[in-house]
């Protein structure tokens, strides 16, 4: 979901975001627009340009539970 155009966090409920949280993995652009409605334990994936134009850097940020869940994958 792209939340860029939201003016208030509550507008996300009109998009059905709570159903997505209950039944699926959700990829959200502009998650800060959710304010207090971000679910606990969310995972942040940050993509940045790499050292040259053909590379990208992925940073994964999450709480301690994520460290256990992704161990061996990353």
N, C-alpha and C. Protein backbone atom coordinates (compact mmCIF):
# COMPACT_ATOMS: atom_id res chain seq x y z
N UNK A 1 0.84 -1.17 0.00
CA UNK A 1 0.00 0.00 0.00
C UNK A 1 0.88 1.23 0.00
N UNK A 2 0.49 2.20 -0.77
CA UNK A 2 1.18 3.48 -0.80
C UNK A 2 0.32 4.48 -0.02
N UNK A 3 0.82 4.93 1.11
CA UNK A 3 0.05 5.81 1.98
C UNK A 3 0.42 7.27 1.82
N UNK A 4 1.16 7.60 0.79
CA UNK A 4 1.68 8.96 0.61
C UNK A 4 0.58 10.02 0.68
N UNK A 5 -0.57 9.76 0.10
CA UNK A 5 -1.61 10.78 0.00
C UNK A 5 -2.51 10.89 1.25
N UNK A 6 -2.28 10.04 2.23
CA UNK A 6 -3.10 10.13 3.44
C UNK A 6 -2.82 11.43 4.17
N UNK A 7 -3.88 12.07 4.61
CA UNK A 7 -3.73 13.28 5.43
C UNK A 7 -3.87 12.96 6.91
N UNK A 8 -4.63 11.91 7.24
CA UNK A 8 -4.82 11.48 8.62
C UNK A 8 -4.62 9.97 8.67
N UNK A 9 -4.02 9.45 9.74
CA UNK A 9 -3.80 8.00 9.84
C UNK A 9 -5.08 7.19 9.69
N UNK A 10 -6.21 7.70 10.18
CA UNK A 10 -7.47 6.97 10.13
C UNK A 10 -7.94 6.68 8.70
N UNK A 11 -7.47 7.45 7.74
CA UNK A 11 -7.87 7.22 6.34
C UNK A 11 -7.39 5.86 5.84
N UNK A 12 -6.39 5.28 6.47
CA UNK A 12 -5.89 3.96 6.06
C UNK A 12 -6.95 2.88 6.23
N UNK A 13 -7.87 3.07 7.18
CA UNK A 13 -8.91 2.08 7.40
C UNK A 13 -9.89 2.03 6.24
N UNK A 14 -10.03 3.12 5.50
CA UNK A 14 -10.87 3.13 4.30
C UNK A 14 -10.26 2.26 3.21
N UNK A 15 -8.96 2.01 3.28
CA UNK A 15 -8.27 1.17 2.31
C UNK A 15 -8.32 -0.31 2.68
N UNK A 16 -8.85 -0.62 3.86
CA UNK A 16 -8.91 -2.00 4.31
C UNK A 16 -7.60 -2.50 4.90
N UNK A 17 -6.81 -1.60 5.42
CA UNK A 17 -5.49 -1.98 5.91
C UNK A 17 -5.55 -2.96 7.07
N UNK A 18 -6.56 -2.85 7.93
CA UNK A 18 -6.65 -3.76 9.08
C UNK A 18 -6.86 -5.20 8.63
N UNK A 19 -7.59 -5.40 7.54
CA UNK A 19 -7.77 -6.75 7.00
C UNK A 19 -6.45 -7.29 6.49
N UNK A 20 -5.67 -6.44 5.84
CA UNK A 20 -4.36 -6.87 5.39
C UNK A 20 -3.46 -7.28 6.54
N UNK A 21 -3.49 -6.54 7.62
CA UNK A 21 -2.68 -6.87 8.79
C UNK A 21 -3.09 -8.22 9.38
N UNK A 22 -4.37 -8.55 9.30
CA UNK A 22 -4.87 -9.80 9.89
C UNK A 22 -4.63 -11.01 9.01
N UNK A 23 -4.59 -10.83 7.69
CA UNK A 23 -4.59 -11.99 6.79
C UNK A 23 -3.39 -12.10 5.86
N UNK A 24 -2.49 -11.11 5.86
CA UNK A 24 -1.44 -11.13 4.85
C UNK A 24 -0.18 -10.42 5.35
N UNK A 25 0.87 -10.57 4.58
CA UNK A 25 2.06 -9.74 4.78
C UNK A 25 1.81 -8.46 4.00
N UNK A 26 2.08 -7.33 4.62
CA UNK A 26 1.79 -6.04 3.99
C UNK A 26 3.08 -5.27 3.74
N UNK A 27 3.24 -4.79 2.54
CA UNK A 27 4.34 -3.91 2.18
C UNK A 27 3.75 -2.51 2.08
N UNK A 28 4.27 -1.59 2.89
CA UNK A 28 3.67 -0.26 2.98
C UNK A 28 4.71 0.81 2.69
N UNK A 29 4.42 1.64 1.68
CA UNK A 29 5.24 2.82 1.44
C UNK A 29 4.70 3.94 2.33
N UNK A 30 5.58 4.72 2.90
CA UNK A 30 5.22 5.82 3.79
C UNK A 30 4.51 5.31 5.05
N UNK A 31 5.07 4.31 5.74
CA UNK A 31 4.41 3.77 6.93
C UNK A 31 4.26 4.79 8.06
N UNK A 32 5.08 5.82 8.07
CA UNK A 32 4.96 6.83 9.13
C UNK A 32 3.60 7.52 9.09
N UNK A 33 2.93 7.46 7.93
CA UNK A 33 1.60 8.07 7.81
C UNK A 33 0.56 7.34 8.66
N UNK A 34 0.87 6.10 9.12
CA UNK A 34 -0.05 5.36 9.98
C UNK A 34 0.01 5.82 11.43
N UNK A 35 1.04 6.53 11.79
CA UNK A 35 1.17 7.03 13.16
C UNK A 35 0.98 5.93 14.18
N UNK A 36 0.03 6.09 15.09
CA UNK A 36 -0.15 5.11 16.17
C UNK A 36 -0.75 3.78 15.71
N UNK A 37 -1.13 3.65 14.46
CA UNK A 37 -1.76 2.43 13.97
C UNK A 37 -0.78 1.43 13.36
N UNK A 38 0.52 1.74 13.38
CA UNK A 38 1.49 0.75 12.93
C UNK A 38 1.39 -0.46 13.86
N UNK A 39 1.35 -1.67 13.30
CA UNK A 39 1.22 -2.84 14.17
C UNK A 39 2.50 -3.08 14.97
N UNK A 40 2.39 -3.67 16.16
CA UNK A 40 3.59 -3.96 16.94
C UNK A 40 4.47 -4.95 16.20
N UNK A 41 5.76 -4.81 16.37
CA UNK A 41 6.70 -5.75 15.77
C UNK A 41 6.87 -5.61 14.27
N UNK A 42 6.56 -4.44 13.71
CA UNK A 42 6.70 -4.29 12.25
C UNK A 42 8.18 -4.35 11.85
N UNK A 43 8.42 -4.68 10.61
CA UNK A 43 9.76 -4.80 10.05
C UNK A 43 9.94 -3.70 9.01
N UNK A 44 11.07 -3.02 9.05
CA UNK A 44 11.37 -1.97 8.08
C UNK A 44 12.43 -2.48 7.10
N UNK A 45 12.18 -2.32 5.81
CA UNK A 45 13.15 -2.61 4.76
C UNK A 45 13.52 -1.29 4.11
N UNK A 46 14.79 -0.94 4.16
CA UNK A 46 15.23 0.33 3.59
C UNK A 46 16.15 0.04 2.41
N UNK A 47 15.78 0.55 1.24
CA UNK A 47 16.59 0.42 0.03
C UNK A 47 17.30 1.73 -0.24
N UNK A 48 18.60 1.64 -0.54
CA UNK A 48 19.40 2.83 -0.84
C UNK A 48 20.27 2.53 -2.05
N UNK A 49 20.71 3.58 -2.72
CA UNK A 49 21.66 3.41 -3.82
C UNK A 49 22.97 2.88 -3.26
N UNK A 50 23.60 2.00 -4.01
CA UNK A 50 24.89 1.44 -3.61
C UNK A 50 26.04 2.32 -4.06
N UNK A 51 27.22 1.74 -4.01
CA UNK A 51 28.44 2.47 -4.35
C UNK A 51 28.46 2.92 -5.81
N UNK A 52 27.81 2.15 -6.70
CA UNK A 52 27.74 2.56 -8.10
C UNK A 52 26.28 2.47 -8.57
N UNK A 53 26.01 2.91 -9.77
CA UNK A 53 24.63 3.02 -10.25
C UNK A 53 23.94 1.67 -10.42
N UNK A 54 24.68 0.58 -10.46
CA UNK A 54 24.07 -0.73 -10.66
C UNK A 54 23.82 -1.51 -9.38
N UNK A 55 24.08 -0.92 -8.24
CA UNK A 55 23.92 -1.65 -6.99
C UNK A 55 22.96 -0.94 -6.04
N UNK A 56 22.39 -1.72 -5.13
CA UNK A 56 21.51 -1.19 -4.10
C UNK A 56 21.90 -1.81 -2.76
N UNK A 57 21.62 -1.11 -1.70
CA UNK A 57 21.90 -1.60 -0.36
C UNK A 57 20.56 -1.80 0.35
N UNK A 58 20.37 -2.98 0.95
CA UNK A 58 19.17 -3.29 1.70
C UNK A 58 19.52 -3.33 3.18
N UNK A 59 18.80 -2.55 3.98
CA UNK A 59 18.95 -2.56 5.43
C UNK A 59 17.64 -3.06 6.02
N UNK A 60 17.73 -4.03 6.91
CA UNK A 60 16.56 -4.61 7.56
C UNK A 60 16.57 -4.17 9.02
N UNK A 61 15.46 -3.56 9.47
CA UNK A 61 15.37 -3.04 10.82
C UNK A 61 14.12 -3.62 11.48
N UNK A 62 14.31 -4.25 12.63
CA UNK A 62 13.17 -4.81 13.36
C UNK A 62 13.51 -5.00 14.82
N UNK A 63 12.52 -5.41 15.59
CA UNK A 63 12.77 -5.66 17.00
C UNK A 63 13.48 -7.00 17.19
N UNK A 64 13.72 -7.38 18.44
CA UNK A 64 14.47 -8.60 18.74
C UNK A 64 13.82 -9.86 18.20
N UNK A 65 12.51 -9.88 18.09
CA UNK A 65 11.85 -11.08 17.57
C UNK A 65 12.22 -11.34 16.12
N UNK A 66 12.49 -10.28 15.37
CA UNK A 66 12.87 -10.45 13.97
C UNK A 66 14.27 -11.06 13.84
N UNK A 67 15.16 -10.74 14.74
CA UNK A 67 16.51 -11.32 14.70
C UNK A 67 16.43 -12.84 14.72
N UNK A 68 15.57 -13.38 15.55
CA UNK A 68 15.39 -14.83 15.63
C UNK A 68 14.70 -15.37 14.38
N UNK A 69 13.73 -14.64 13.86
CA UNK A 69 12.95 -15.12 12.72
C UNK A 69 13.76 -15.17 11.42
N UNK A 70 14.69 -14.24 11.24
CA UNK A 70 15.44 -14.19 9.98
C UNK A 70 16.83 -14.81 10.09
N UNK A 71 17.20 -15.29 11.27
CA UNK A 71 18.50 -15.92 11.44
C UNK A 71 18.65 -17.04 10.42
N UNK A 72 19.76 -17.06 9.73
CA UNK A 72 20.01 -18.07 8.71
C UNK A 72 19.57 -17.66 7.31
N UNK A 73 18.73 -16.64 7.21
CA UNK A 73 18.29 -16.16 5.90
C UNK A 73 19.20 -15.03 5.44
N UNK A 74 19.53 -14.15 6.37
CA UNK A 74 20.30 -12.94 6.04
C UNK A 74 21.76 -13.18 6.27
